[in-house]
Amino acid sequence: MLISLVGMPGGGKSTVGKHLARQLGVPFMDSDAQIEARIGESIRTFFEREGEESFRELESVAIEELLGQLKDGVLATGGGAVLRERNRESLRACSTVLYLRSTPEDIYRRLRHDTSRPLLQVADPLAKLRELYQQRDPLYRKTAHYVLESSRPSVHGLVNMALMQLELAGLIDPGRVAATVGAEPV
């Protein structure tokens, strides 16, 4: 089974994805890390030099490759991956998509000192997050099979929420989860 995580920048996709993959005993991949490995520089540097459109094309190619490579695993996508219809369709068709939903205010609290995210290097990052949320939330919802509220829970809590949702949907064996949950501290 392949699980993809979508959501706002700073919504916990990479962190939750790593822990979820560990709990399920499957590989973890991050589309942003894949892109950085391919281009040999940070996304921020590439984004500033080449622009958003060039980055989005690289992102689409990386997502398609990862979806084709992984049969079992957890894939964390970049916050803007849902902006392209081709990505939304591929993610939904090839994986079970979980939307980690956070409010712009909660994300701002988490990211206010983070200088690595190109779209937030603006005069008013909270206003930018609100704008991004307004634009992207409907796309995340359209792409996702399940929505998990991620504003307040801990990483451990979110992983358990994801596991419970997948179990309730009949996508994972309850015995598999029981054997792995709690085996390692989060």
N, C-alpha and C. Protein backbone atom coordinates (compact mmCIF):
# COMPACT_ATOMS: atom_id res chain seq x y z
N MET A 1 0.83 -1.18 0.00
CA MET A 1 0.00 0.00 0.00
C MET A 1 0.88 1.24 0.00
N LEU A 2 0.49 2.20 -0.80
CA LEU A 2 1.21 3.46 -0.87
C LEU A 2 0.34 4.56 -0.28
N ILE A 3 0.91 5.33 0.63
CA ILE A 3 0.21 6.43 1.29
C ILE A 3 0.94 7.71 0.92
N SER A 4 0.19 8.71 0.48
CA SER A 4 0.77 10.03 0.19
C SER A 4 0.21 11.04 1.17
N LEU A 5 1.06 11.95 1.58
CA LEU A 5 0.65 13.01 2.50
C LEU A 5 0.68 14.34 1.77
N VAL A 6 -0.42 15.10 1.90
CA VAL A 6 -0.50 16.43 1.33
C VAL A 6 -0.87 17.40 2.43
N GLY A 7 -0.58 18.67 2.21
CA GLY A 7 -0.93 19.69 3.19
C GLY A 7 -0.03 20.90 3.04
N MET A 8 -0.35 21.90 3.83
CA MET A 8 0.37 23.17 3.79
C MET A 8 1.85 23.00 4.15
N PRO A 9 2.70 23.93 3.70
CA PRO A 9 4.09 23.92 4.15
C PRO A 9 4.12 24.00 5.68
N GLY A 10 4.92 23.15 6.28
CA GLY A 10 5.02 23.16 7.74
C GLY A 10 3.90 22.41 8.43
N GLY A 11 3.09 21.69 7.67
CA GLY A 11 1.97 20.96 8.25
C GLY A 11 2.35 19.61 8.85
N GLY A 12 3.62 19.22 8.73
CA GLY A 12 4.08 17.99 9.36
C GLY A 12 4.19 16.80 8.44
N LYS A 13 4.10 16.99 7.14
CA LYS A 13 4.10 15.86 6.21
C LYS A 13 5.37 15.01 6.30
N SER A 14 6.52 15.65 6.29
CA SER A 14 7.78 14.89 6.33
C SER A 14 7.97 14.21 7.68
N THR A 15 7.73 14.93 8.75
CA THR A 15 7.93 14.36 10.09
C THR A 15 6.95 13.21 10.34
N VAL A 16 5.68 13.45 10.10
CA VAL A 16 4.67 12.41 10.30
C VAL A 16 4.93 11.25 9.34
N GLY A 17 5.29 11.57 8.10
CA GLY A 17 5.55 10.53 7.11
C GLY A 17 6.65 9.58 7.53
N LYS A 18 7.75 10.11 8.06
CA LYS A 18 8.85 9.25 8.52
C LYS A 18 8.40 8.31 9.62
N HIS A 19 7.66 8.84 10.58
CA HIS A 19 7.20 8.02 11.71
C HIS A 19 6.14 7.01 11.27
N LEU A 20 5.25 7.43 10.38
CA LEU A 20 4.22 6.52 9.88
C LEU A 20 4.86 5.37 9.11
N ALA A 21 5.83 5.68 8.26
CA ALA A 21 6.52 4.64 7.50
C ALA A 21 7.23 3.66 8.45
N ARG A 22 7.86 4.19 9.49
CA ARG A 22 8.54 3.34 10.46
C ARG A 22 7.53 2.41 11.14
N GLN A 23 6.39 2.96 11.54
CA GLN A 23 5.38 2.14 12.21
C GLN A 23 4.84 1.04 11.30
N LEU A 24 4.72 1.34 10.01
CA LEU A 24 4.19 0.37 9.06
C LEU A 24 5.28 -0.55 8.49
N GLY A 25 6.54 -0.21 8.74
CA GLY A 25 7.64 -1.02 8.22
C GLY A 25 7.79 -0.92 6.71
N VAL A 26 7.55 0.28 6.18
CA VAL A 26 7.64 0.52 4.74
C VAL A 26 8.60 1.67 4.48
N PRO A 27 9.08 1.83 3.24
CA PRO A 27 9.99 2.94 2.92
C PRO A 27 9.29 4.30 3.01
N PHE A 28 10.09 5.32 3.30
CA PHE A 28 9.61 6.70 3.30
C PHE A 28 10.36 7.46 2.22
N MET A 29 9.60 8.25 1.46
CA MET A 29 10.21 9.12 0.45
C MET A 29 9.61 10.51 0.59
N ASP A 30 10.42 11.50 0.30
CA ASP A 30 9.99 12.90 0.36
C ASP A 30 10.26 13.51 -1.01
N SER A 31 9.21 14.02 -1.65
CA SER A 31 9.41 14.54 -3.01
C SER A 31 10.36 15.73 -3.03
N ASP A 32 10.32 16.59 -1.99
CA ASP A 32 11.26 17.72 -1.96
C ASP A 32 12.71 17.25 -1.82
N ALA A 33 12.94 16.23 -0.98
CA ALA A 33 14.30 15.69 -0.83
C ALA A 33 14.78 15.07 -2.14
N GLN A 34 13.87 14.41 -2.84
CA GLN A 34 14.20 13.81 -4.14
C GLN A 34 14.61 14.90 -5.14
N ILE A 35 13.88 15.99 -5.14
CA ILE A 35 14.18 17.10 -6.06
C ILE A 35 15.53 17.70 -5.72
N GLU A 36 15.79 17.95 -4.44
CA GLU A 36 17.08 18.53 -4.04
C GLU A 36 18.25 17.62 -4.41
N ALA A 37 18.07 16.32 -4.24
CA ALA A 37 19.13 15.38 -4.62
C ALA A 37 19.38 15.44 -6.14
N ARG A 38 18.32 15.58 -6.89
CA ARG A 38 18.44 15.62 -8.35
C ARG A 38 19.12 16.89 -8.83
N ILE A 39 18.76 18.04 -8.26
CA ILE A 39 19.28 19.31 -8.76
C ILE A 39 20.59 19.72 -8.09
N GLY A 40 20.92 19.06 -6.98
CA GLY A 40 22.19 19.34 -6.31
C GLY A 40 22.24 20.67 -5.58
N GLU A 41 21.09 21.19 -5.23
CA GLU A 41 21.03 22.44 -4.47
C GLU A 41 19.69 22.50 -3.74
N SER A 42 19.53 23.50 -2.89
CA SER A 42 18.28 23.63 -2.16
C SER A 42 17.16 24.07 -3.10
N ILE A 43 15.96 23.69 -2.73
CA ILE A 43 14.79 24.14 -3.49
C ILE A 43 14.73 25.67 -3.49
N ARG A 44 15.04 26.25 -2.34
CA ARG A 44 14.99 27.71 -2.25
C ARG A 44 15.89 28.38 -3.29
N THR A 45 17.13 27.88 -3.41
CA THR A 45 18.07 28.45 -4.38
C THR A 45 17.55 28.26 -5.80
N PHE A 46 17.10 27.06 -6.11
CA PHE A 46 16.57 26.79 -7.45
C PHE A 46 15.35 27.67 -7.73
N PHE A 47 14.47 27.74 -6.77
CA PHE A 47 13.22 28.51 -6.88
C PHE A 47 13.53 29.98 -7.18
N GLU A 48 14.50 30.54 -6.44
CA GLU A 48 14.86 31.95 -6.62
C GLU A 48 15.47 32.20 -8.00
N ARG A 49 16.28 31.25 -8.47
CA ARG A 49 16.96 31.42 -9.76
C ARG A 49 16.06 31.09 -10.95
N GLU A 50 15.31 30.00 -10.87
CA GLU A 50 14.56 29.51 -12.03
C GLU A 50 13.06 29.84 -11.99
N GLY A 51 12.55 30.17 -10.81
CA GLY A 51 11.13 30.52 -10.71
C GLY A 51 10.24 29.35 -10.34
N GLU A 52 9.02 29.69 -9.96
CA GLU A 52 8.08 28.67 -9.48
C GLU A 52 7.67 27.69 -10.57
N GLU A 53 7.44 28.17 -11.78
CA GLU A 53 6.97 27.27 -12.85
C GLU A 53 7.99 26.16 -13.13
N SER A 54 9.27 26.50 -13.18
CA SER A 54 10.31 25.49 -13.39
C SER A 54 10.34 24.49 -12.24
N PHE A 55 10.19 25.01 -11.02
CA PHE A 55 10.17 24.12 -9.87
C PHE A 55 8.97 23.18 -9.93
N ARG A 56 7.80 23.71 -10.26
CA ARG A 56 6.58 22.87 -10.30
C ARG A 56 6.71 21.75 -11.33
N GLU A 57 7.41 22.01 -12.43
CA GLU A 57 7.62 20.96 -13.43
C GLU A 57 8.51 19.86 -12.86
N LEU A 58 9.61 20.26 -12.20
CA LEU A 58 10.47 19.27 -11.54
C LEU A 58 9.68 18.46 -10.51
N GLU A 59 8.83 19.14 -9.77
CA GLU A 59 8.02 18.49 -8.74
C GLU A 59 7.09 17.45 -9.35
N SER A 60 6.45 17.78 -10.46
CA SER A 60 5.55 16.83 -11.12
C SER A 60 6.29 15.58 -11.57
N VAL A 61 7.46 15.78 -12.16
CA VAL A 61 8.28 14.65 -12.62
C VAL A 61 8.69 13.78 -11.43
N ALA A 62 9.13 14.41 -10.35
CA ALA A 62 9.54 13.66 -9.16
C ALA A 62 8.38 12.86 -8.57
N ILE A 63 7.21 13.47 -8.49
CA ILE A 63 6.05 12.76 -7.93
C ILE A 63 5.68 11.56 -8.80
N GLU A 64 5.66 11.75 -10.10
CA GLU A 64 5.34 10.64 -11.00
C GLU A 64 6.35 9.50 -10.87
N GLU A 65 7.63 9.85 -10.78
CA GLU A 65 8.66 8.82 -10.63
C GLU A 65 8.50 8.08 -9.31
N LEU A 66 8.28 8.82 -8.22
CA LEU A 66 8.14 8.19 -6.92
C LEU A 66 6.91 7.31 -6.86
N LEU A 67 5.81 7.76 -7.41
CA LEU A 67 4.59 6.94 -7.42
C LEU A 67 4.81 5.67 -8.24
N GLY A 68 5.63 5.76 -9.28
CA GLY A 68 5.92 4.59 -10.09
C GLY A 68 6.88 3.62 -9.42
N GLN A 69 7.78 4.15 -8.59
CA GLN A 69 8.80 3.32 -7.93
C GLN A 69 8.27 2.62 -6.69
N LEU A 70 7.47 3.32 -5.92
CA LEU A 70 7.01 2.78 -4.64
C LEU A 70 5.75 1.95 -4.81
N LYS A 71 5.78 0.75 -4.33
CA LYS A 71 4.56 -0.06 -4.29
C LYS A 71 3.98 -0.01 -2.87
N ASP A 72 4.85 -0.12 -1.90
CA ASP A 72 4.50 0.06 -0.49
C ASP A 72 5.36 1.19 0.01
N GLY A 73 4.77 2.12 0.74
CA GLY A 73 5.56 3.20 1.30
C GLY A 73 4.72 4.39 1.67
N VAL A 74 5.42 5.39 2.16
CA VAL A 74 4.80 6.67 2.52
C VAL A 74 5.55 7.75 1.76
N LEU A 75 4.79 8.60 1.08
CA LEU A 75 5.35 9.69 0.28
C LEU A 75 4.88 11.02 0.84
N ALA A 76 5.81 11.85 1.26
CA ALA A 76 5.49 13.22 1.67
C ALA A 76 5.70 14.11 0.46
N THR A 77 4.69 14.92 0.15
CA THR A 77 4.78 15.82 -1.00
C THR A 77 5.04 17.24 -0.52
N GLY A 78 5.48 18.07 -1.43
CA GLY A 78 5.65 19.49 -1.12
C GLY A 78 4.29 20.16 -0.98
N GLY A 79 4.24 21.27 -0.27
CA GLY A 79 2.99 21.96 0.00
C GLY A 79 2.22 22.39 -1.23
N GLY A 80 2.93 22.65 -2.33
CA GLY A 80 2.27 23.11 -3.54
C GLY A 80 2.03 22.02 -4.58
N ALA A 81 2.27 20.78 -4.22
CA ALA A 81 2.14 19.68 -5.18
C ALA A 81 0.74 19.61 -5.78
N VAL A 82 -0.27 20.01 -5.02
CA VAL A 82 -1.65 19.89 -5.49
C VAL A 82 -2.04 20.99 -6.48
N LEU A 83 -1.16 21.94 -6.72
CA LEU A 83 -1.49 23.03 -7.63
C LEU A 83 -1.65 22.55 -9.07
N ARG A 84 -1.01 21.47 -9.41
CA ARG A 84 -1.13 20.91 -10.76
C ARG A 84 -2.12 19.75 -10.75
N GLU A 85 -3.05 19.83 -11.66
CA GLU A 85 -4.08 18.79 -11.76
C GLU A 85 -3.46 17.41 -11.99
N ARG A 86 -2.41 17.37 -12.78
CA ARG A 86 -1.77 16.08 -13.07
C ARG A 86 -1.24 15.44 -11.79
N ASN A 87 -0.73 16.24 -10.85
CA ASN A 87 -0.27 15.70 -9.58
C ASN A 87 -1.44 15.21 -8.74
N ARG A 88 -2.51 16.01 -8.69
CA ARG A 88 -3.68 15.61 -7.90
C ARG A 88 -4.24 14.28 -8.39
N GLU A 89 -4.36 14.16 -9.71
CA GLU A 89 -4.90 12.93 -10.29
C GLU A 89 -3.99 11.73 -10.03
N SER A 90 -2.68 11.91 -10.21
CA SER A 90 -1.73 10.82 -10.00
C SER A 90 -1.72 10.37 -8.54
N LEU A 91 -1.66 11.34 -7.64
CA LEU A 91 -1.62 11.00 -6.22
C LEU A 91 -2.87 10.22 -5.82
N ARG A 92 -4.03 10.71 -6.24
CA ARG A 92 -5.29 10.08 -5.86
C ARG A 92 -5.44 8.69 -6.48
N ALA A 93 -5.00 8.53 -7.73
CA ALA A 93 -5.15 7.25 -8.42
C ALA A 93 -4.15 6.19 -7.94
N CYS A 94 -2.96 6.61 -7.55
CA CYS A 94 -1.89 5.65 -7.26
C CYS A 94 -1.63 5.44 -5.77
N SER A 95 -2.32 6.19 -4.91
CA SER A 95 -2.04 6.07 -3.48
C SER A 95 -3.28 6.44 -2.67
N THR A 96 -3.21 6.15 -1.40
CA THR A 96 -4.21 6.63 -0.45
C THR A 96 -3.68 7.94 0.08
N VAL A 97 -4.43 9.02 -0.12
CA VAL A 97 -3.95 10.36 0.19
C VAL A 97 -4.54 10.84 1.52
N LEU A 98 -3.64 11.24 2.42
CA LEU A 98 -4.03 11.83 3.70
C LEU A 98 -3.68 13.31 3.67
N TYR A 99 -4.64 14.14 3.97
CA TYR A 99 -4.43 15.59 4.06
C TYR A 99 -4.23 15.95 5.52
N LEU A 100 -3.02 16.40 5.87
CA LEU A 100 -2.72 16.87 7.22
C LEU A 100 -3.11 18.34 7.27
N ARG A 101 -4.28 18.62 7.81
CA ARG A 101 -4.84 19.97 7.79
C ARG A 101 -4.47 20.75 9.04
N SER A 102 -3.84 21.90 8.83
CA SER A 102 -3.50 22.85 9.90
C SER A 102 -4.00 24.23 9.51
N THR A 103 -4.32 25.04 10.49
CA THR A 103 -4.73 26.41 10.20
C THR A 103 -3.50 27.25 9.86
N PRO A 104 -3.67 28.33 9.12
CA PRO A 104 -2.54 29.21 8.82
C PRO A 104 -1.88 29.73 10.11
N GLU A 105 -2.67 30.00 11.13
CA GLU A 105 -2.12 30.52 12.39
C GLU A 105 -1.23 29.48 13.07
N ASP A 106 -1.65 28.22 13.08
CA ASP A 106 -0.82 27.17 13.68
C ASP A 106 0.47 26.98 12.89
N ILE A 107 0.38 27.02 11.58
CA ILE A 107 1.58 26.87 10.75
C ILE A 107 2.52 28.05 10.97
N TYR A 108 1.97 29.24 11.06
CA TYR A 108 2.80 30.42 11.31
C TYR A 108 3.58 30.27 12.62
N ARG A 109 2.92 29.77 13.65
CA ARG A 109 3.61 29.56 14.94
C ARG A 109 4.78 28.59 14.77
N ARG A 110 4.59 27.56 13.95
CA ARG A 110 5.65 26.57 13.73
C ARG A 110 6.78 27.11 12.86
N LEU A 111 6.44 27.96 11.89
CA LEU A 111 7.41 28.35 10.85
C LEU A 111 7.97 29.76 10.96
N ARG A 112 7.55 30.51 11.95
CA ARG A 112 7.88 31.94 11.95
C ARG A 112 9.38 32.23 11.90
N HIS A 113 10.23 31.28 12.28
CA HIS A 113 11.67 31.50 12.24
C HIS A 113 12.36 30.69 11.13
N ASP A 114 11.57 30.03 10.28
CA ASP A 114 12.11 29.17 9.23
C ASP A 114 12.38 30.01 7.97
N THR A 115 13.62 30.04 7.54
CA THR A 115 13.98 30.82 6.36
C THR A 115 14.18 29.95 5.12
N SER A 116 13.88 28.66 5.23
CA SER A 116 14.15 27.74 4.12
C SER A 116 12.98 27.62 3.14
N ARG A 117 11.84 28.22 3.45
CA ARG A 117 10.66 28.05 2.61
C ARG A 117 10.46 29.29 1.73
N PRO A 118 10.69 29.15 0.42
CA PRO A 118 10.70 30.31 -0.47
C PRO A 118 9.40 31.12 -0.47
N LEU A 119 8.27 30.46 -0.43
CA LEU A 119 7.00 31.19 -0.51
C LEU A 119 6.70 32.01 0.74
N LEU A 120 7.45 31.78 1.82
CA LEU A 120 7.19 32.51 3.07
C LEU A 120 8.20 33.62 3.33
N GLN A 121 9.09 33.85 2.39
CA GLN A 121 10.07 34.92 2.55
C GLN A 121 9.48 36.23 2.03
N VAL A 122 8.46 36.68 2.74
CA VAL A 122 7.71 37.89 2.36
C VAL A 122 7.54 38.76 3.60
N ALA A 123 7.08 39.99 3.40
CA ALA A 123 6.92 40.94 4.51
C ALA A 123 5.93 40.46 5.56
N ASP A 124 4.83 39.81 5.15
CA ASP A 124 3.81 39.35 6.09
C ASP A 124 3.54 37.86 5.86
N PRO A 125 4.35 36.98 6.48
CA PRO A 125 4.20 35.54 6.24
C PRO A 125 2.82 34.99 6.64
N LEU A 126 2.22 35.53 7.70
CA LEU A 126 0.91 35.03 8.10
C LEU A 126 -0.13 35.33 7.03
N ALA A 127 -0.09 36.52 6.47
CA ALA A 127 -1.02 36.86 5.38
C ALA A 127 -0.78 35.93 4.18
N LYS A 128 0.48 35.63 3.89
CA LYS A 128 0.81 34.72 2.79
C LYS A 128 0.27 33.32 3.07
N LEU A 129 0.42 32.85 4.32
CA LEU A 129 -0.12 31.53 4.68
C LEU A 129 -1.64 31.50 4.53
N ARG A 130 -2.29 32.56 4.93
CA ARG A 130 -3.76 32.63 4.79
C ARG A 130 -4.15 32.58 3.31
N GLU A 131 -3.41 33.30 2.49
CA GLU A 131 -3.67 33.30 1.05
C GLU A 131 -3.45 31.90 0.46
N LEU A 132 -2.33 31.26 0.85
CA LEU A 132 -2.04 29.91 0.36
C LEU A 132 -3.12 28.93 0.81
N TYR A 133 -3.53 29.05 2.06
CA TYR A 133 -4.55 28.15 2.60
C TYR A 133 -5.86 28.30 1.83
N GLN A 134 -6.26 29.53 1.59
CA GLN A 134 -7.51 29.78 0.88
C GLN A 134 -7.46 29.17 -0.53
N GLN A 135 -6.31 29.28 -1.16
CA GLN A 135 -6.14 28.74 -2.50
C GLN A 135 -6.03 27.21 -2.49
N ARG A 136 -5.29 26.66 -1.53
CA ARG A 136 -4.92 25.24 -1.59
C ARG A 136 -5.85 24.30 -0.83
N ASP A 137 -6.50 24.77 0.24
CA ASP A 137 -7.33 23.87 1.03
C ASP A 137 -8.34 23.11 0.16
N PRO A 138 -9.06 23.77 -0.76
CA PRO A 138 -10.00 23.01 -1.61
C PRO A 138 -9.29 21.95 -2.48
N LEU A 139 -8.06 22.25 -2.90
CA LEU A 139 -7.31 21.30 -3.71
C LEU A 139 -6.83 20.11 -2.88
N TYR A 140 -6.38 20.38 -1.64
CA TYR A 140 -6.00 19.29 -0.75
C TYR A 140 -7.20 18.38 -0.50
N ARG A 141 -8.35 18.98 -0.23
CA ARG A 141 -9.56 18.21 0.05
C ARG A 141 -9.98 17.38 -1.17
N LYS A 142 -9.85 17.97 -2.35
CA LYS A 142 -10.21 17.27 -3.59
C LYS A 142 -9.29 16.07 -3.83
N THR A 143 -8.03 16.20 -3.45
CA THR A 143 -7.04 15.16 -3.67
C THR A 143 -7.12 14.05 -2.62
N ALA A 144 -7.44 14.42 -1.40
CA ALA A 144 -7.36 13.50 -0.26
C ALA A 144 -8.50 12.49 -0.22
N HIS A 145 -8.13 11.31 0.24
CA HIS A 145 -9.13 10.32 0.59
C HIS A 145 -9.60 10.56 2.03
N TYR A 146 -8.68 11.07 2.88
CA TYR A 146 -8.98 11.31 4.29
C TYR A 146 -8.32 12.61 4.75
N VAL A 147 -9.00 13.33 5.63
CA VAL A 147 -8.48 14.57 6.20
C VAL A 147 -8.20 14.33 7.68
N LEU A 148 -6.98 14.66 8.11
CA LEU A 148 -6.61 14.56 9.53
C LEU A 148 -6.30 15.96 10.04
N GLU A 149 -6.98 16.36 11.09
CA GLU A 149 -6.73 17.66 11.69
C GLU A 149 -5.39 17.61 12.42
N SER A 150 -4.45 18.43 11.99
CA SER A 150 -3.09 18.34 12.54
C SER A 150 -2.66 19.58 13.31
N SER A 151 -3.60 20.45 13.62
CA SER A 151 -3.23 21.70 14.29
C SER A 151 -2.64 21.49 15.68
N ARG A 152 -3.22 20.64 16.46
CA ARG A 152 -2.79 20.49 17.85
C ARG A 152 -2.10 19.18 18.22
N PRO A 153 -2.46 18.05 17.60
CA PRO A 153 -1.87 16.79 18.07
C PRO A 153 -0.34 16.74 17.92
N SER A 154 0.27 15.92 18.74
CA SER A 154 1.70 15.66 18.63
C SER A 154 1.95 14.79 17.40
N VAL A 155 3.21 14.63 17.06
CA VAL A 155 3.56 13.75 15.95
C VAL A 155 3.04 12.34 16.23
N HIS A 156 3.26 11.87 17.45
CA HIS A 156 2.78 10.54 17.84
C HIS A 156 1.26 10.45 17.68
N GLY A 157 0.56 11.49 18.10
CA GLY A 157 -0.89 11.52 17.99
C GLY A 157 -1.35 11.48 16.54
N LEU A 158 -0.68 12.23 15.69
CA LEU A 158 -1.03 12.23 14.26
C LEU A 158 -0.76 10.89 13.61
N VAL A 159 0.34 10.26 13.95
CA VAL A 159 0.65 8.94 13.40
C VAL A 159 -0.43 7.96 13.82
N ASN A 160 -0.82 8.00 15.08
CA ASN A 160 -1.87 7.10 15.55
C ASN A 160 -3.21 7.39 14.87
N MET A 161 -3.52 8.68 14.66
CA MET A 161 -4.75 9.03 13.95
C MET A 161 -4.72 8.47 12.52
N ALA A 162 -3.58 8.59 11.87
CA ALA A 162 -3.44 8.07 10.50
C ALA A 162 -3.61 6.55 10.49
N LEU A 163 -2.96 5.87 11.42
CA LEU A 163 -3.06 4.41 11.49
C LEU A 163 -4.49 3.98 11.75
N MET A 164 -5.18 4.66 12.67
CA MET A 164 -6.57 4.32 12.95
C MET A 164 -7.45 4.53 11.73
N GLN A 165 -7.25 5.63 11.01
CA GLN A 165 -8.05 5.90 9.81
C GLN A 165 -7.81 4.83 8.76
N LEU A 166 -6.57 4.47 8.55
CA LEU A 166 -6.24 3.44 7.56
C LEU A 166 -6.80 2.08 7.97
N GLU A 167 -6.76 1.79 9.25
CA GLU A 167 -7.31 0.53 9.75
C GLU A 167 -8.84 0.51 9.58
N LEU A 168 -9.50 1.60 9.98
CA LEU A 168 -10.96 1.68 9.85
C LEU A 168 -11.40 1.55 8.39
N ALA A 169 -10.59 2.06 7.48
CA ALA A 169 -10.91 1.97 6.06
C ALA A 169 -10.60 0.59 5.48
N GLY A 170 -10.01 -0.28 6.29
CA GLY A 170 -9.67 -1.61 5.83
C GLY A 170 -8.44 -1.65 4.96
N LEU A 171 -7.62 -0.61 5.04
CA LEU A 171 -6.44 -0.53 4.18
C LEU A 171 -5.20 -1.16 4.80
N ILE A 172 -5.21 -1.31 6.11
CA ILE A 172 -4.10 -2.00 6.77
C ILE A 172 -4.67 -3.01 7.75
N ASP A 173 -3.91 -4.05 7.99
CA ASP A 173 -4.30 -5.12 8.89
C ASP A 173 -4.14 -4.66 10.33
N PRO A 174 -5.20 -4.75 11.15
CA PRO A 174 -5.08 -4.33 12.55
C PRO A 174 -3.94 -5.04 13.29
N GLY A 175 -3.67 -6.29 12.94
CA GLY A 175 -2.57 -7.02 13.58
C GLY A 175 -1.22 -6.43 13.26
N ARG A 176 -1.08 -5.94 12.05
CA ARG A 176 0.18 -5.30 11.62
C ARG A 176 0.42 -4.04 12.45
N VAL A 177 -0.63 -3.26 12.65
CA VAL A 177 -0.51 -2.03 13.42
C VAL A 177 -0.23 -2.36 14.89
N ALA A 178 -0.96 -3.31 15.44
CA ALA A 178 -0.78 -3.65 16.85
C ALA A 178 0.64 -4.14 17.12
N ALA A 179 1.24 -4.79 16.14
CA ALA A 179 2.59 -5.30 16.32
C ALA A 179 3.64 -4.21 16.25
N THR A 180 3.31 -3.08 15.62
CA THR A 180 4.32 -2.05 15.44
C THR A 180 4.09 -0.81 16.29
N VAL A 181 2.85 -0.46 16.55
CA VAL A 181 2.56 0.77 17.31
C VAL A 181 3.13 0.63 18.71
N GLY A 182 3.86 1.62 19.13
CA GLY A 182 4.44 1.61 20.46
C GLY A 182 5.77 0.89 20.53
N ALA A 183 6.17 0.24 19.45
CA ALA A 183 7.43 -0.49 19.46
C ALA A 183 8.62 0.46 19.55
N GLU A 184 8.45 1.66 19.03
CA GLU A 184 9.53 2.64 19.03
C GLU A 184 8.97 3.98 19.49
N PRO A 185 9.65 4.69 20.36
CA PRO A 185 9.14 6.00 20.75
C PRO A 185 9.18 6.97 19.58
N VAL A 186 8.18 7.84 19.52
CA VAL A 186 8.10 8.80 18.43
C VAL A 186 8.74 10.10 18.83
